[in-house]
Protein backbone atom coordinates (compact mmCIF):
# COMPACT_ATOMS: atom_id res chain seq x y z
CA MET A 1 4.37 6.01 -35.62
CA ASP A 2 2.76 3.66 -33.10
CA PHE A 3 1.23 4.70 -29.78
CA PHE A 4 4.34 3.82 -27.78
CA SER A 5 6.73 5.84 -29.96
CA LEU A 6 4.32 8.78 -30.16
CA SER A 7 3.90 8.86 -26.39
CA LYS A 8 7.68 8.93 -25.86
CA THR A 9 8.06 11.80 -28.33
CA VAL A 10 5.23 13.84 -26.83
CA TRP A 11 6.52 13.31 -23.30
CA PHE A 12 9.98 14.54 -24.27
CA PHE A 13 8.42 17.95 -24.91
CA ALA A 14 5.62 17.86 -22.33
CA ALA A 15 7.43 16.79 -19.14
CA PRO A 16 7.28 19.68 -16.61
CA SER A 17 11.08 19.81 -16.25
CA HIS A 18 11.46 19.94 -20.03
CA LEU A 19 8.72 22.53 -20.38
CA LEU A 20 10.64 24.80 -18.04
CA VAL A 21 13.67 24.51 -20.32
CA TRP A 22 11.65 25.26 -23.46
CA ILE A 23 9.96 28.25 -21.83
CA LEU A 24 13.28 29.56 -20.51
CA ALA A 25 14.89 29.15 -23.95
CA LEU A 26 12.02 31.06 -25.55
CA GLY A 27 12.36 33.76 -22.92
CA VAL A 28 16.10 34.11 -23.55
CA LEU A 29 15.59 34.29 -27.31
CA SER A 30 13.05 37.09 -26.87
CA TRP A 31 14.51 38.71 -23.75
CA ARG A 32 14.39 42.21 -25.27
CA SER A 33 10.58 42.09 -25.30
CA TRP A 34 8.26 42.25 -22.32
CA PHE A 35 6.99 38.78 -23.27
CA GLY A 36 10.47 37.26 -23.01
CA ARG A 37 11.14 38.89 -19.66
CA ILE A 38 7.84 37.61 -18.28
CA LEU A 39 8.78 34.09 -19.33
CA ILE A 40 12.19 34.29 -17.66
CA ILE A 41 10.73 35.73 -14.46
CA GLY A 42 7.99 33.10 -14.50
CA VAL A 43 10.46 30.20 -14.74
CA ALA A 44 12.66 31.69 -12.02
CA GLY A 45 9.66 32.23 -9.76
CA PHE A 46 8.43 28.66 -10.26
CA LEU A 47 11.87 27.24 -9.40
CA VAL A 48 11.93 29.30 -6.22
CA LEU A 49 8.45 28.01 -5.37
CA LEU A 50 9.66 24.42 -5.80
CA GLN A 51 12.44 25.10 -3.31
CA PHE A 52 9.89 25.59 -0.53
CA VAL A 53 6.52 24.10 -1.55
CA PRO A 54 6.30 20.31 -2.12
CA LEU A 55 4.14 20.40 -5.24
CA GLY A 56 5.70 17.20 -6.53
CA ASP A 57 5.12 15.37 -3.27
CA TRP A 58 1.49 16.44 -3.21
CA ALA A 59 1.01 15.30 -6.79
CA VAL A 60 2.57 11.88 -6.18
CA ALA A 61 0.61 11.43 -2.93
CA SER A 62 -2.64 12.09 -4.82
CA LEU A 63 -1.84 9.02 -6.94
CA GLU A 64 -0.51 6.82 -4.14
CA ASN A 65 -3.53 7.40 -1.89
CA GLN A 66 -6.06 6.08 -4.42
CA PHE A 67 -5.44 2.37 -3.88
CA PRO A 68 -4.22 1.55 -0.36
CA ARG A 69 -3.06 -1.98 0.30
CA GLY A 70 -5.58 -4.09 2.23
CA PRO A 71 -5.12 -7.24 4.29
CA TRP A 72 -3.75 -10.38 2.68
CA PRO A 73 -6.58 -12.28 0.93
CA ALA A 74 -7.47 -15.72 2.25
CA HIS A 75 -6.77 -17.20 -1.18
CA VAL A 76 -4.90 -15.98 -4.24
CA ASP A 77 -4.86 -17.72 -7.62
CA GLY A 78 -2.25 -15.55 -9.25
CA VAL A 79 0.07 -12.56 -9.00
CA LEU A 80 0.94 -10.19 -11.83
CA GLU A 81 3.95 -7.94 -11.36
CA LEU A 82 4.39 -5.07 -13.80
CA GLY A 83 7.97 -4.34 -14.75
CA GLY A 84 9.64 -0.98 -14.35
CA GLY A 85 12.96 0.04 -12.86
CA LEU A 86 14.99 -3.14 -13.46
CA ASN A 87 17.99 -2.19 -15.62
CA SER A 88 19.17 -5.05 -17.82
CA THR A 89 22.13 -3.08 -19.19
CA ILE A 90 23.65 -2.77 -15.72
CA LEU A 91 23.14 -6.49 -15.12
CA THR A 92 24.84 -7.30 -18.41
CA ARG A 93 27.84 -5.05 -17.79
CA ARG A 94 28.31 -5.33 -14.03
CA GLY A 95 26.92 -8.75 -13.25
CA VAL A 96 24.51 -7.40 -10.63
CA PRO A 97 21.04 -5.99 -11.23
CA GLY A 98 20.40 -2.29 -11.50
CA ALA A 99 17.11 -1.55 -9.79
CA THR A 100 15.02 1.41 -8.72
CA SER A 101 11.86 -0.58 -7.97
CA GLU A 102 13.05 -3.33 -5.64
CA GLY A 103 9.74 -3.09 -3.78
CA ARG A 104 7.86 -4.70 -6.65
CA VAL A 105 10.12 -7.75 -6.74
CA VAL A 106 10.06 -8.09 -2.95
CA ALA A 107 6.24 -7.90 -2.89
CA THR A 108 6.02 -10.56 -5.59
CA PHE A 109 8.44 -12.82 -3.76
CA GLU A 110 6.50 -12.38 -0.53
CA ALA A 111 3.23 -13.27 -2.28
CA ALA A 112 4.82 -16.30 -3.95
CA ARG A 113 5.91 -17.66 -0.57
CA ARG A 114 2.57 -16.90 1.09
CA TYR A 115 0.56 -18.54 -1.71
CA PRO A 116 2.65 -21.50 -2.90
CA LYS A 117 0.04 -22.65 -5.42
CA ALA A 118 -0.55 -19.23 -7.00
CA ARG A 119 0.57 -18.57 -10.55
CA ILE A 120 3.21 -15.83 -10.70
CA VAL A 121 3.67 -13.68 -13.80
CA PHE A 122 6.30 -11.01 -14.35
CA SER A 123 5.57 -8.67 -17.25
CA GLY A 124 8.32 -6.48 -18.64
CA GLY A 125 10.23 -6.22 -21.88
CA GLY A 126 11.38 -2.63 -22.09
CA ASP A 127 13.64 -1.37 -24.86
CA PRO A 128 13.41 -3.82 -27.80
CA GLN A 129 17.10 -3.17 -28.51
CA ALA A 130 18.19 -4.23 -24.99
CA VAL A 131 17.98 -7.38 -22.91
CA PRO A 132 14.36 -7.73 -21.66
CA GLU A 133 13.64 -6.55 -18.15
CA ALA A 134 12.22 -10.00 -17.44
CA VAL A 135 15.77 -11.35 -17.56
CA VAL A 136 16.69 -9.18 -14.57
CA ALA A 137 13.51 -10.28 -12.77
CA ARG A 138 14.46 -13.92 -13.28
CA TYR A 139 17.97 -13.21 -11.96
CA VAL A 140 16.57 -11.62 -8.81
CA LEU A 141 13.57 -13.89 -8.12
CA GLU A 142 15.30 -17.19 -8.88
CA GLY A 143 19.01 -16.50 -8.67
CA GLN A 144 19.04 -14.22 -5.63
CA LEU A 145 15.80 -14.88 -3.75
CA GLY A 146 15.57 -18.58 -4.47
CA LEU A 147 12.20 -19.14 -6.13
CA PRO A 148 12.34 -22.48 -7.95
CA PRO A 149 12.78 -22.37 -11.75
CA GLY A 150 9.44 -22.60 -13.47
CA ARG A 151 7.52 -20.97 -10.63
CA VAL A 152 7.35 -17.64 -12.46
CA LEU A 153 6.13 -17.04 -15.99
CA TYR A 154 8.05 -14.24 -17.72
CA GLU A 155 6.48 -11.99 -20.35
CA LYS A 156 9.26 -10.29 -22.34
CA ARG A 157 7.60 -8.25 -25.10
CA SER A 158 5.70 -5.44 -23.35
CA ARG A 159 6.96 -1.87 -23.56
CA ASP A 160 4.27 -0.08 -21.56
CA THR A 161 1.39 -0.69 -19.18
CA PHE A 162 -1.14 -1.46 -21.89
CA GLU A 163 1.15 -4.06 -23.43
CA ASN A 164 1.78 -5.55 -19.96
CA PHE A 165 -1.85 -6.69 -19.91
CA LEU A 166 -2.10 -7.36 -23.64
CA TYR A 167 0.69 -9.94 -23.55
CA SER A 168 0.33 -11.20 -19.99
CA LYS A 169 -3.33 -12.18 -20.05
CA PRO A 170 -2.90 -14.95 -22.66
CA LEU A 171 0.12 -16.18 -20.70
CA ALA A 172 -1.63 -16.16 -17.30
CA LYS A 173 -4.99 -17.43 -18.58
CA PRO A 174 -7.03 -15.99 -15.68
CA ALA A 175 -10.38 -17.70 -15.24
CA PRO A 176 -13.60 -15.95 -14.17
CA GLY A 177 -13.85 -15.74 -10.40
CA GLU A 178 -10.14 -16.13 -9.76
CA THR A 179 -8.34 -13.83 -7.30
CA TRP A 180 -5.33 -12.04 -8.74
CA LEU A 181 -3.00 -9.55 -7.09
CA LEU A 182 -1.65 -6.68 -9.18
CA VAL A 183 1.82 -5.67 -8.01
CA THR A 184 3.23 -2.31 -9.06
CA SER A 185 4.42 0.90 -7.43
CA ALA A 186 1.71 2.84 -5.61
CA PHE A 187 2.04 5.91 -7.86
CA HIS A 188 1.50 3.71 -10.93
CA MET A 189 -1.49 1.80 -9.58
CA PRO A 190 -4.27 4.14 -10.84
CA ARG A 191 -3.18 3.75 -14.45
CA ALA A 192 -2.51 0.02 -14.04
CA MET A 193 -5.94 -0.63 -12.55
CA ALA A 194 -7.62 1.40 -15.30
CA VAL A 195 -5.92 -0.78 -17.92
CA ALA A 196 -6.84 -3.94 -16.01
CA ARG A 197 -10.50 -2.89 -16.08
CA GLN A 198 -10.31 -2.28 -19.82
CA ALA A 199 -8.69 -5.69 -20.28
CA GLY A 200 -11.51 -7.34 -18.31
CA TRP A 201 -9.08 -8.72 -15.74
CA ALA A 202 -10.43 -8.45 -12.19
CA MET A 203 -7.53 -7.71 -9.85
CA ILE A 204 -6.81 -6.67 -6.28
CA PRO A 205 -4.42 -3.69 -6.22
CA TRP A 206 -1.29 -4.57 -4.28
CA PRO A 207 0.92 -1.46 -4.17
CA SER A 208 4.49 -2.53 -3.52
CA ASP A 209 6.31 0.66 -2.61
CA TYR A 210 5.62 4.31 -1.81
CA LEU A 211 7.50 7.53 -2.41
CA THR A 212 5.50 9.67 0.02
CA THR A 213 4.01 9.38 3.50
CA GLY A 214 0.60 10.37 2.16
CA GLN A 215 0.58 13.55 4.22
CA THR A 216 0.10 16.93 2.57
CA GLY A 217 1.91 19.25 4.96
CA LEU A 218 4.55 21.82 4.08
CA TYR A 219 8.17 20.88 4.39
CA HIS A 220 11.42 21.65 2.61
CA GLN A 221 12.16 19.00 0.00
CA GLY A 222 14.48 20.87 -2.30
CA GLU A 223 14.05 21.88 -5.89
CA SER A 224 15.51 18.88 -7.74
CA GLY A 225 13.58 16.16 -5.89
CA ASN A 226 10.40 18.21 -6.03
CA LEU A 227 10.67 18.66 -9.78
CA GLU A 228 11.46 14.97 -10.27
CA ASP A 229 8.32 14.00 -8.35
CA LEU A 230 6.29 16.51 -10.35
CA ASP A 231 7.55 14.90 -13.57
CA LEU A 232 6.62 11.46 -12.25
CA ALA A 233 3.10 12.46 -11.26
CA ALA A 234 2.50 14.37 -14.48
CA HIS A 235 3.65 11.34 -16.46
CA GLU A 236 1.01 9.18 -14.75
CA TRP A 237 -1.83 11.72 -15.05
CA VAL A 238 -1.08 12.50 -18.69
CA GLY A 239 -0.57 8.80 -19.43
CA LEU A 240 -3.91 7.89 -17.87
CA LEU A 241 -5.67 10.60 -19.88
CA ALA A 242 -4.02 9.48 -23.12
CA TYR A 243 -4.88 5.84 -22.42
CA ARG A 244 -8.52 6.68 -21.84
CA LEU A 245 -8.74 8.81 -24.98
CA ALA A 246 -7.17 5.96 -26.97
CA GLY A 247 -9.50 3.37 -25.47
CA ARG A 248 -6.71 1.63 -23.57
CA ALA A 249 -8.09 2.27 -20.08
CA ARG A 250 -11.34 2.99 -18.27
């Protein structure tokens, strides 16, 4: 089993929302014992806590605050956008793109207009059994937003952040001293920059979209959104740790 497949399998069991299910199931199976009752009470208590305390928001903000966007550079040689959130299946079946990360595409389009001579690379393959995510990016950037054909180079093989850089660097051919923008969601930027450093590709972080305000106050978010954000943040922290242990990031 390769790294990508192993990571998907491990995450299926390790995601916080899934862990709650496994713990609750174990508690139900052993509910006659004090151990089982403690597990059930613990899960219930944690869900109540999520209803009032924005743990997920705090966790996501801790990622998003690491690489704030700076002013536009005076000169940019290239832009690399990392795929994620563009659903090719929806485009195939409905004729319009399915997207949850429009901010990345918009940021890339904005950079392409601001720096007309910069090389633009979109990196995203996704599920090998489906249409590559790069197909959706081409539809949006060229078909909807009007970038001329040939302006963007599309990398279609990558399945994760490490492979984004593995396959995009030979395509982009960055030269020493060049200025490149790295476009991805703010919560994903810490892992992306760590992989860029490992790949020896000097980049300016250019976070494209945020999920939080960056504040850490108390407010009522609701259980489902809170747990979803907690899953997202845990995925990035665990992914960064796994990448570093595997020598994929630094």
